[in-house]
Amino acid sequence: MSVVGPLAGRSIVVTRPQAQAAPLAEAIVAAGGTPIVFPLLEIAPAADPQPLAEAAARLAEYAVAAFVSPNAVEHALPVLLTHAAWPAGLLPAAVGQGTVKALAARGVTGCIAPTERFDSEALLALPELAAERVAGRRVAIFRGDGGRELLADTLRQRGATVDCITCYRRSGPSDGVAPLLSAWRQGRLDAITVSSSEGLRYLVDLLDAEGLVFLKATPLFVPHARIAENARALGLSNIVLTEAADAGLIAGLRAYNWLQ
């Protein structure tokens, strides 16, 4: 029986970390396509566990606990809840809805998060993080190594005391890009979805001249304008900006004119 759907006959690369790749891969299958799961970021616990342990010990002292990603929830929350339940007066905050769901799945509800644009700017625009609400209060930000400082810097400017706690670290693909090159050479790689500027930089750095030619000719679906800007800065131009999150990526894939 032939496969039907808007993505029938199309092979789409899913580059989210392994633990977050399944929903988008399943949506691609539901639309008739074939997902190629190729995480551009590998996630591991932070090299130094002490800062997270110390944050757990003083969790009740914080007014707000912000989680930048589902990975932050996965690596921080088990430690934070080892000795006590989530403090009643601690407001959880998240950059995206996937992080809200990850918190809720572990029993932490009442989370504030943007509902349209999913980035630090949108989180900072919420009234709960206005200067009059955070001044003189303590905020914890649970995140990976590196990343943007906008959230922490802005909250400090608003008068908050901010602790940034690294609870996981990121690295590029350990097995190289041979699977992608093989798919390209066989003519069975039609598009790539990218949800991380850092992951995209790893990909560009890993590809040789042949791979870069393939990449530049392949539609790159990205769910945020900042990723699109970074892609252009890396010399890519075949970029499709979609709405946010997995829902935006799959909608963009389904609507794309594959015959153009």
C-alpha atoms as a PDB file:
ATOM      1  CA  MET A   1       0.000   0.000   0.000  1.00  0.00           C
ATOM      2  CA  SER A   2       1.406   3.396  -0.949  1.00  0.00           C
ATOM      3  CA  VAL A   3       2.069   5.990   1.731  1.00  0.00           C
ATOM      4  CA  VAL A   4      -0.196   9.030   1.610  1.00  0.00           C
ATOM      5  CA  GLY A   5       0.048  12.411   3.279  1.00  0.00           C
ATOM      6  CA  PRO A   6       1.656  15.786   2.590  1.00  0.00           C
ATOM      7  CA  LEU A   7       5.107  14.397   3.436  1.00  0.00           C
ATOM      8  CA  ALA A   8       4.767  11.149   1.484  1.00  0.00           C
ATOM      9  CA  GLY A   9       8.097  10.175   0.002  1.00  0.00           C
ATOM     10  CA  ARG A  10       9.977  12.824   1.996  1.00  0.00           C
ATOM     11  CA  SER A  11      12.773  12.089   4.470  1.00  0.00           C
ATOM     12  CA  ILE A  12      13.092  14.748   7.150  1.00  0.00           C
ATOM     13  CA  VAL A  13      15.969  15.089   9.603  1.00  0.00           C
ATOM     14  CA  VAL A  14      14.989  15.655  13.246  1.00  0.00           C
ATOM     15  CA  THR A  15      17.907  17.225  15.109  1.00  0.00           C
ATOM     16  CA  ARG A  16      16.456  17.649  18.599  1.00  0.00           C
ATOM     17  CA  PRO A  17      18.316  15.907  21.457  1.00  0.00           C
ATOM     18  CA  GLN A  18      17.430  12.229  21.640  1.00  0.00           C
ATOM     19  CA  ALA A  19      15.098  12.621  24.619  1.00  0.00           C
ATOM     20  CA  GLN A  20      13.002  15.268  22.831  1.00  0.00           C
ATOM     21  CA  ALA A  21      13.037  13.889  19.284  1.00  0.00           C
ATOM     22  CA  ALA A  22      10.093  11.465  19.408  1.00  0.00           C
ATOM     23  CA  PRO A  23       7.091  13.860  19.164  1.00  0.00           C
ATOM     24  CA  LEU A  24       8.322  15.555  15.979  1.00  0.00           C
ATOM     25  CA  ALA A  25       9.432  12.240  14.481  1.00  0.00           C
ATOM     26  CA  GLU A  26       5.988  10.770  15.169  1.00  0.00           C
ATOM     27  CA  ALA A  27       4.269  13.795  13.618  1.00  0.00           C
ATOM     28  CA  ILE A  28       6.375  13.372  10.477  1.00  0.00           C
ATOM     29  CA  VAL A  29       5.330   9.713  10.256  1.00  0.00           C
ATOM     30  CA  ALA A  30       1.679  10.720  10.738  1.00  0.00           C
ATOM     31  CA  ALA A  31       2.034  13.084   7.760  1.00  0.00           C
ATOM     32  CA  GLY A  32       3.410  10.284   5.591  1.00  0.00           C
ATOM     33  CA  GLY A  33       7.089  11.170   5.855  1.00  0.00           C
ATOM     34  CA  THR A  34      10.168   9.332   7.079  1.00  0.00           C
ATOM     35  CA  PRO A  35      12.037  10.887  10.004  1.00  0.00           C
ATOM     36  CA  ILE A  36      15.798  10.632  10.245  1.00  0.00           C
ATOM     37  CA  VAL A  37      16.612  11.208  13.907  1.00  0.00           C
ATOM     38  CA  PHE A  38      20.049  12.798  14.116  1.00  0.00           C
ATOM     39  CA  PRO A  39      20.551  14.768  17.352  1.00  0.00           C
ATOM     40  CA  LEU A  40      22.889  17.720  16.884  1.00  0.00           C
ATOM     41  CA  LEU A  41      23.298  18.085  20.634  1.00  0.00           C
ATOM     42  CA  GLU A  42      24.195  15.386  23.116  1.00  0.00           C
ATOM     43  CA  ILE A  43      23.054  16.126  26.658  1.00  0.00           C
ATOM     44  CA  ALA A  44      24.858  14.966  29.807  1.00  0.00           C
ATOM     45  CA  PRO A  45      24.797  15.933  33.498  1.00  0.00           C
ATOM     46  CA  ALA A  46      26.840  18.962  34.492  1.00  0.00           C
ATOM     47  CA  ALA A  47      30.526  18.266  35.102  1.00  0.00           C
ATOM     48  CA  ASP A  48      30.235  19.757  38.602  1.00  0.00           C
ATOM     49  CA  PRO A  49      27.140  18.592  40.527  1.00  0.00           C
ATOM     50  CA  GLN A  50      27.833  20.818  43.558  1.00  0.00           C
ATOM     51  CA  PRO A  51      26.005  24.014  42.420  1.00  0.00           C
ATOM     52  CA  LEU A  52      22.811  22.048  41.795  1.00  0.00           C
ATOM     53  CA  ALA A  53      23.079  20.319  45.170  1.00  0.00           C
ATOM     54  CA  GLU A  54      23.553  23.680  46.867  1.00  0.00           C
ATOM     55  CA  ALA A  55      20.528  25.123  45.046  1.00  0.00           C
ATOM     56  CA  ALA A  56      18.455  22.159  46.223  1.00  0.00           C
ATOM     57  CA  ALA A  57      19.466  22.832  49.809  1.00  0.00           C
ATOM     58  CA  ARG A  58      18.221  26.441  49.648  1.00  0.00           C
ATOM     59  CA  LEU A  59      15.347  25.981  47.224  1.00  0.00           C
ATOM     60  CA  ALA A  60      12.802  27.517  49.603  1.00  0.00           C
ATOM     61  CA  GLU A  61      14.795  30.766  49.627  1.00  0.00           C
ATOM     62  CA  TYR A  62      13.954  31.468  45.983  1.00  0.00           C
ATOM     63  CA  ALA A  63      10.887  33.368  44.794  1.00  0.00           C
ATOM     64  CA  VAL A  64      11.165  32.185  41.171  1.00  0.00           C
ATOM     65  CA  ALA A  65      12.772  29.118  39.614  1.00  0.00           C
ATOM     66  CA  ALA A  66      13.187  29.423  35.838  1.00  0.00           C
ATOM     67  CA  PHE A  67      13.920  26.407  33.638  1.00  0.00           C
ATOM     68  CA  VAL A  68      15.266  27.140  30.164  1.00  0.00           C
ATOM     69  CA  SER A  69      14.414  23.779  28.554  1.00  0.00           C
ATOM     70  CA  PRO A  70      13.026  20.283  29.143  1.00  0.00           C
ATOM     71  CA  ASN A  71      16.637  19.179  29.591  1.00  0.00           C
ATOM     72  CA  ALA A  72      16.961  21.560  32.519  1.00  0.00           C
ATOM     73  CA  VAL A  73      13.884  19.983  34.105  1.00  0.00           C
ATOM     74  CA  GLU A  74      15.118  16.459  33.474  1.00  0.00           C
ATOM     75  CA  HIS A  75      18.515  17.083  35.048  1.00  0.00           C
ATOM     76  CA  ALA A  76      17.594  19.519  37.822  1.00  0.00           C
ATOM     77  CA  LEU A  77      14.243  18.470  39.217  1.00  0.00           C
ATOM     78  CA  PRO A  78      15.155  15.003  40.532  1.00  0.00           C
ATOM     79  CA  VAL A  79      17.938  16.603  42.575  1.00  0.00           C
ATOM     80  CA  LEU A  80      15.812  19.557  43.688  1.00  0.00           C
ATOM     81  CA  LEU A  81      13.085  17.250  44.994  1.00  0.00           C
ATOM     82  CA  THR A  82      15.360  14.676  46.618  1.00  0.00           C
ATOM     83  CA  HIS A  83      14.874  15.910  50.183  1.00  0.00           C
ATOM     84  CA  ALA A  84      11.663  17.966  50.088  1.00  0.00           C
ATOM     85  CA  ALA A  85       8.589  18.749  48.025  1.00  0.00           C
ATOM     86  CA  TRP A  86       8.398  21.785  45.766  1.00  0.00           C
ATOM     87  CA  PRO A  87       8.085  24.843  48.085  1.00  0.00           C
ATOM     88  CA  ALA A  88       4.576  26.290  48.141  1.00  0.00           C
ATOM     89  CA  GLY A  89       5.796  29.853  47.624  1.00  0.00           C
ATOM     90  CA  LEU A  90       8.181  29.119  44.743  1.00  0.00           C
ATOM     91  CA  LEU A  91       6.922  30.237  41.311  1.00  0.00           C
ATOM     92  CA  PRO A  92       8.114  27.983  38.471  1.00  0.00           C
ATOM     93  CA  ALA A  93       8.848  29.664  35.140  1.00  0.00           C
ATOM     94  CA  ALA A  94       9.667  28.225  31.731  1.00  0.00           C
ATOM     95  CA  VAL A  95      10.761  29.563  28.368  1.00  0.00           C
ATOM     96  CA  GLY A  96       8.626  27.133  26.354  1.00  0.00           C
ATOM     97  CA  GLN A  97       5.544  24.957  26.592  1.00  0.00           C
ATOM     98  CA  GLY A  98       7.592  21.774  26.328  1.00  0.00           C
ATOM     99  CA  THR A  99       9.295  22.756  29.551  1.00  0.00           C
ATOM    100  CA  VAL A 100       5.921  23.474  31.177  1.00  0.00           C
ATOM    101  CA  LYS A 101       4.805  19.959  30.256  1.00  0.00           C
ATOM    102  CA  ALA A 102       8.036  18.439  31.575  1.00  0.00           C
ATOM    103  CA  LEU A 103       7.510  20.199  34.919  1.00  0.00           C
ATOM    104  CA  ALA A 104       3.856  19.178  35.101  1.00  0.00           C
ATOM    105  CA  ALA A 105       4.778  15.557  34.384  1.00  0.00           C
ATOM    106  CA  ARG A 106       6.903  15.647  37.524  1.00  0.00           C
ATOM    107  CA  GLY A 107       4.219  17.270  39.650  1.00  0.00           C
ATOM    108  CA  VAL A 108       5.269  20.936  39.414  1.00  0.00           C
ATOM    109  CA  THR A 109       2.281  22.978  38.250  1.00  0.00           C
ATOM    110  CA  GLY A 110       1.279  26.639  38.163  1.00  0.00           C
ATOM    111  CA  CYS A 111       4.178  27.446  35.837  1.00  0.00           C
ATOM    112  CA  ILE A 112       4.352  30.802  34.051  1.00  0.00           C
ATOM    113  CA  ALA A 113       5.521  30.745  30.424  1.00  0.00           C
ATOM    114  CA  PRO A 114       5.024  32.618  27.165  1.00  0.00           C
ATOM    115  CA  THR A 115       2.114  31.472  25.020  1.00  0.00           C
ATOM    116  CA  GLU A 116       3.275  32.680  21.614  1.00  0.00           C
ATOM    117  CA  ARG A 117       6.985  33.451  21.201  1.00  0.00           C
ATOM    118  CA  PHE A 118       9.166  31.060  23.173  1.00  0.00           C
ATOM    119  CA  ASP A 119      12.363  32.822  24.189  1.00  0.00           C
ATOM    120  CA  SER A 120      13.892  34.798  27.033  1.00  0.00           C
ATOM    121  CA  GLU A 121      12.448  38.057  25.724  1.00  0.00           C
ATOM    122  CA  ALA A 122       8.909  36.686  25.837  1.00  0.00           C
ATOM    123  CA  LEU A 123       9.413  35.234  29.318  1.00  0.00           C
ATOM    124  CA  LEU A 124      10.738  38.561  30.571  1.00  0.00           C
ATOM    125  CA  ALA A 125       7.639  40.295  29.211  1.00  0.00           C
ATOM    126  CA  LEU A 126       5.362  38.393  31.605  1.00  0.00           C
ATOM    127  CA  PRO A 127       3.993  40.555  34.441  1.00  0.00           C
ATOM    128  CA  GLU A 128       5.246  38.129  37.095  1.00  0.00           C
ATOM    129  CA  LEU A 129       8.833  39.055  36.141  1.00  0.00           C
ATOM    130  CA  ALA A 130       8.331  42.838  36.056  1.00  0.00           C
ATOM    131  CA  ALA A 131      10.736  44.915  38.125  1.00  0.00           C
ATOM    132  CA  GLU A 132       8.172  45.648  40.820  1.00  0.00           C
ATOM    133  CA  ARG A 133       7.592  41.907  41.266  1.00  0.00           C
ATOM    134  CA  VAL A 134      11.194  40.657  41.351  1.00  0.00           C
ATOM    135  CA  ALA A 135      13.146  43.525  42.926  1.00  0.00           C
ATOM    136  CA  GLY A 136      14.773  42.383  46.161  1.00  0.00           C
ATOM    137  CA  ARG A 137      13.842  38.758  45.553  1.00  0.00           C
ATOM    138  CA  ARG A 138      15.976  35.730  44.714  1.00  0.00           C
ATOM    139  CA  VAL A 139      15.677  33.945  41.349  1.00  0.00           C
ATOM    140  CA  ALA A 140      17.219  30.638  40.272  1.00  0.00           C
ATOM    141  CA  ILE A 141      17.810  29.884  36.592  1.00  0.00           C
ATOM    142  CA  PHE A 142      18.396  26.223  35.768  1.00  0.00           C
ATOM    143  CA  ARG A 143      20.150  25.840  32.436  1.00  0.00           C
ATOM    144  CA  GLY A 144      22.857  24.155  30.403  1.00  0.00           C
ATOM    145  CA  ASP A 145      26.448  25.258  30.105  1.00  0.00           C
ATOM    146  CA  GLY A 146      26.879  28.471  28.156  1.00  0.00           C
ATOM    147  CA  GLY A 147      23.823  29.934  26.488  1.00  0.00           C
ATOM    148  CA  ARG A 148      22.418  33.444  26.511  1.00  0.00           C
ATOM    149  CA  GLU A 149      22.764  35.726  29.522  1.00  0.00           C
ATOM    150  CA  LEU A 150      19.806  37.955  28.655  1.00  0.00           C
ATOM    151  CA  LEU A 151      17.409  36.439  31.194  1.00  0.00           C
ATOM    152  CA  ALA A 152      19.836  36.647  34.108  1.00  0.00           C
ATOM    153  CA  ASP A 153      21.182  40.084  33.167  1.00  0.00           C
ATOM    154  CA  THR A 154      17.722  41.609  32.758  1.00  0.00           C
ATOM    155  CA  LEU A 155      16.426  40.204  36.042  1.00  0.00           C
ATOM    156  CA  ARG A 156      19.478  41.618  37.819  1.00  0.00           C
ATOM    157  CA  GLN A 157      18.794  44.994  36.205  1.00  0.00           C
ATOM    158  CA  ARG A 158      15.281  44.750  37.635  1.00  0.00           C
ATOM    159  CA  GLY A 159      16.676  44.333  41.124  1.00  0.00           C
ATOM    160  CA  ALA A 160      16.597  40.562  41.586  1.00  0.00           C
ATOM    161  CA  THR A 161      19.406  38.453  43.001  1.00  0.00           C
ATOM    162  CA  VAL A 162      19.975  35.781  40.346  1.00  0.00           C
ATOM    163  CA  ASP A 163      21.738  32.440  40.672  1.00  0.00           C
ATOM    164  CA  CYS A 164      22.463  30.626  37.411  1.00  0.00           C
ATOM    165  CA  ILE A 165      22.775  26.905  38.036  1.00  0.00           C
ATOM    166  CA  THR A 166      24.307  24.732  35.326  1.00  0.00           C
ATOM    167  CA  CYS A 167      22.572  21.369  35.534  1.00  0.00           C
ATOM    168  CA  TYR A 168      23.536  19.848  32.172  1.00  0.00           C
ATOM    169  CA  ARG A 169      26.140  20.209  29.462  1.00  0.00           C
ATOM    170  CA  ARG A 170      25.880  20.044  25.700  1.00  0.00           C
ATOM    171  CA  SER A 171      28.236  18.690  23.070  1.00  0.00           C
ATOM    172  CA  GLY A 172      28.117  17.966  19.375  1.00  0.00           C
ATOM    173  CA  PRO A 173      27.404  14.575  17.799  1.00  0.00           C
ATOM    174  CA  SER A 174      30.014  12.089  18.938  1.00  0.00           C
ATOM    175  CA  ASP A 175      29.601   9.793  15.932  1.00  0.00           C
ATOM    176  CA  GLY A 176      30.168  12.411  13.212  1.00  0.00           C
ATOM    177  CA  VAL A 177      27.916  13.139  10.255  1.00  0.00           C
ATOM    178  CA  ALA A 178      28.390  10.003   8.139  1.00  0.00           C
ATOM    179  CA  PRO A 179      24.668   9.047   8.323  1.00  0.00           C
ATOM    180  CA  LEU A 180      23.640  12.432   6.901  1.00  0.00           C
ATOM    181  CA  LEU A 181      26.225  12.323   4.126  1.00  0.00           C
ATOM    182  CA  SER A 182      25.081   8.821   3.195  1.00  0.00           C
ATOM    183  CA  ALA A 183      21.440   9.939   3.027  1.00  0.00           C
ATOM    184  CA  TRP A 184      22.325  12.955   0.907  1.00  0.00           C
ATOM    185  CA  ARG A 185      24.391  10.895  -1.522  1.00  0.00           C
ATOM    186  CA  GLN A 186      21.513   8.437  -1.903  1.00  0.00           C
ATOM    187  CA  GLY A 187      19.062  11.265  -2.603  1.00  0.00           C
ATOM    188  CA  ARG A 188      16.926  10.475   0.431  1.00  0.00           C
ATOM    189  CA  LEU A 189      17.315  13.597   2.547  1.00  0.00           C
ATOM    190  CA  ASP A 190      14.733  16.227   1.704  1.00  0.00           C
ATOM    191  CA  ALA A 191      14.812  18.665   4.647  1.00  0.00           C
ATOM    192  CA  ILE A 192      16.355  19.346   8.024  1.00  0.00           C
ATOM    193  CA  THR A 193      14.580  20.705  11.085  1.00  0.00           C
ATOM    194  CA  VAL A 194      16.777  22.719  13.450  1.00  0.00           C
ATOM    195  CA  SER A 195      15.687  24.049  16.846  1.00  0.00           C
ATOM    196  CA  SER A 196      19.079  25.135  18.190  1.00  0.00           C
ATOM    197  CA  SER A 197      21.577  27.660  16.836  1.00  0.00           C
ATOM    198  CA  GLU A 198      24.310  25.877  18.765  1.00  0.00           C
ATOM    199  CA  GLY A 199      23.409  22.552  17.179  1.00  0.00           C
ATOM    200  CA  LEU A 200      23.455  24.127  13.723  1.00  0.00           C
ATOM    201  CA  ARG A 201      26.946  25.493  14.338  1.00  0.00           C
ATOM    202  CA  TYR A 202      28.098  22.000  15.292  1.00  0.00           C
ATOM    203  CA  LEU A 203      26.656  20.665  12.042  1.00  0.00           C
ATOM    204  CA  VAL A 204      28.343  23.289   9.871  1.00  0.00           C
ATOM    205  CA  ASP A 205      31.663  22.724  11.628  1.00  0.00           C
ATOM    206  CA  LEU A 206      31.464  18.953  11.146  1.00  0.00           C
ATOM    207  CA  LEU A 207      30.632  19.000   7.448  1.00  0.00           C
ATOM    208  CA  ASP A 208      33.332  18.922   4.780  1.00  0.00           C
ATOM    209  CA  ALA A 209      33.093  20.800   1.464  1.00  0.00           C
ATOM    210  CA  GLU A 210      30.817  18.159  -0.055  1.00  0.00           C
ATOM    211  CA  GLY A 211      28.549  18.191   2.973  1.00  0.00           C
ATOM    212  CA  LEU A 212      28.256  21.974   2.962  1.00  0.00           C
ATOM    213  CA  VAL A 213      27.145  21.895  -0.671  1.00  0.00           C
ATOM    214  CA  PHE A 214      24.428  19.411   0.299  1.00  0.00           C
ATOM    215  CA  LEU A 215      23.412  21.486   3.316  1.00  0.00           C
ATOM    216  CA  LYS A 216      23.110  24.728   1.362  1.00  0.00           C
ATOM    217  CA  ALA A 217      20.803  23.015  -1.145  1.00  0.00           C
ATOM    218  CA  THR A 218      18.564  21.454   1.528  1.00  0.00           C
ATOM    219  CA  PRO A 219      15.554  23.318   2.986  1.00  0.00           C
ATOM    220  CA  LEU A 220      16.255  24.166   6.611  1.00  0.00           C
ATOM    221  CA  PHE A 221      13.108  24.483   8.757  1.00  0.00           C
ATOM    222  CA  VAL A 222      13.612  26.592  11.890  1.00  0.00           C
ATOM    223  CA  PRO A 223      11.022  27.643  14.509  1.00  0.00           C
ATOM    224  CA  HIS A 224      12.585  30.921  15.623  1.00  0.00           C
ATOM    225  CA  ALA A 225      13.819  34.079  13.889  1.00  0.00           C
ATOM    226  CA  ARG A 226      17.049  34.056  15.895  1.00  0.00           C
ATOM    227  CA  ILE A 227      17.946  30.614  14.537  1.00  0.00           C
ATOM    228  CA  ALA A 228      17.184  31.844  11.016  1.00  0.00           C
ATOM    229  CA  GLU A 229      19.500  34.827  11.554  1.00  0.00           C
ATOM    230  CA  ASN A 230      22.272  32.567  12.795  1.00  0.00           C
ATOM    231  CA  ALA A 231      21.764  30.238   9.830  1.00  0.00           C
ATOM    232  CA  ARG A 232      22.185  33.155   7.432  1.00  0.00           C
ATOM    233  CA  ALA A 233      25.314  34.230   9.313  1.00  0.00           C
ATOM    234  CA  LEU A 234      26.687  30.733   8.687  1.00  0.00           C
ATOM    235  CA  GLY A 235      26.207  31.176   4.935  1.00  0.00           C
ATOM    236  CA  LEU A 236      22.902  29.342   4.555  1.00  0.00           C
ATOM    237  CA  SER A 237      20.002  30.802   2.584  1.00  0.00           C
ATOM    238  CA  ASN A 238      17.526  27.966   1.952  1.00  0.00           C
ATOM    239  CA  ILE A 239      15.737  28.698   5.231  1.00  0.00           C
ATOM    240  CA  VAL A 240      12.053  28.224   6.069  1.00  0.00           C
ATOM    241  CA  LEU A 241      10.972  30.102   9.201  1.00  0.00           C
ATOM    242  CA  THR A 242       8.023  28.358  10.850  1.00  0.00           C
ATOM    243  CA  GLU A 243       5.850  29.012  13.870  1.00  0.00           C
ATOM    244  CA  ALA A 244       7.259  27.988  17.234  1.00  0.00           C
ATOM    245  CA  ALA A 245       7.991  24.529  18.646  1.00  0.00           C
ATOM    246  CA  ASP A 246       7.267  21.129  17.103  1.00  0.00           C
ATOM    247  CA  ALA A 247       3.753  22.210  16.117  1.00  0.00           C
ATOM    248  CA  GLY A 248       5.188  25.049  14.059  1.00  0.00           C
ATOM    249  CA  LEU A 249       7.810  22.844  12.434  1.00  0.00           C
ATOM    250  CA  ILE A 250       5.336  20.165  11.371  1.00  0.00           C
ATOM    251  CA  ALA A 251       2.897  22.798  10.074  1.00  0.00           C
ATOM    252  CA  GLY A 252       5.690  24.336   8.022  1.00  0.00           C
ATOM    253  CA  LEU A 253       6.720  20.950   6.657  1.00  0.00           C
ATOM    254  CA  ARG A 254       3.154  20.060   5.728  1.00  0.00           C
ATOM    255  CA  ALA A 255       2.579  23.393   3.952  1.00  0.00           C
ATOM    256  CA  TYR A 256       5.868  23.489   2.048  1.00  0.00           C
ATOM    257  CA  ASN A 257       5.824  23.345  -1.758  1.00  0.00           C
ATOM    258  CA  TRP A 258       8.124  20.389  -2.320  1.00  0.00           C
ATOM    259  CA  LEU A 259       7.970  20.749  -6.102  1.00  0.00           C
ATOM    260  CA  GLN A 260       9.389  24.281  -6.246  1.00  0.00           C
END
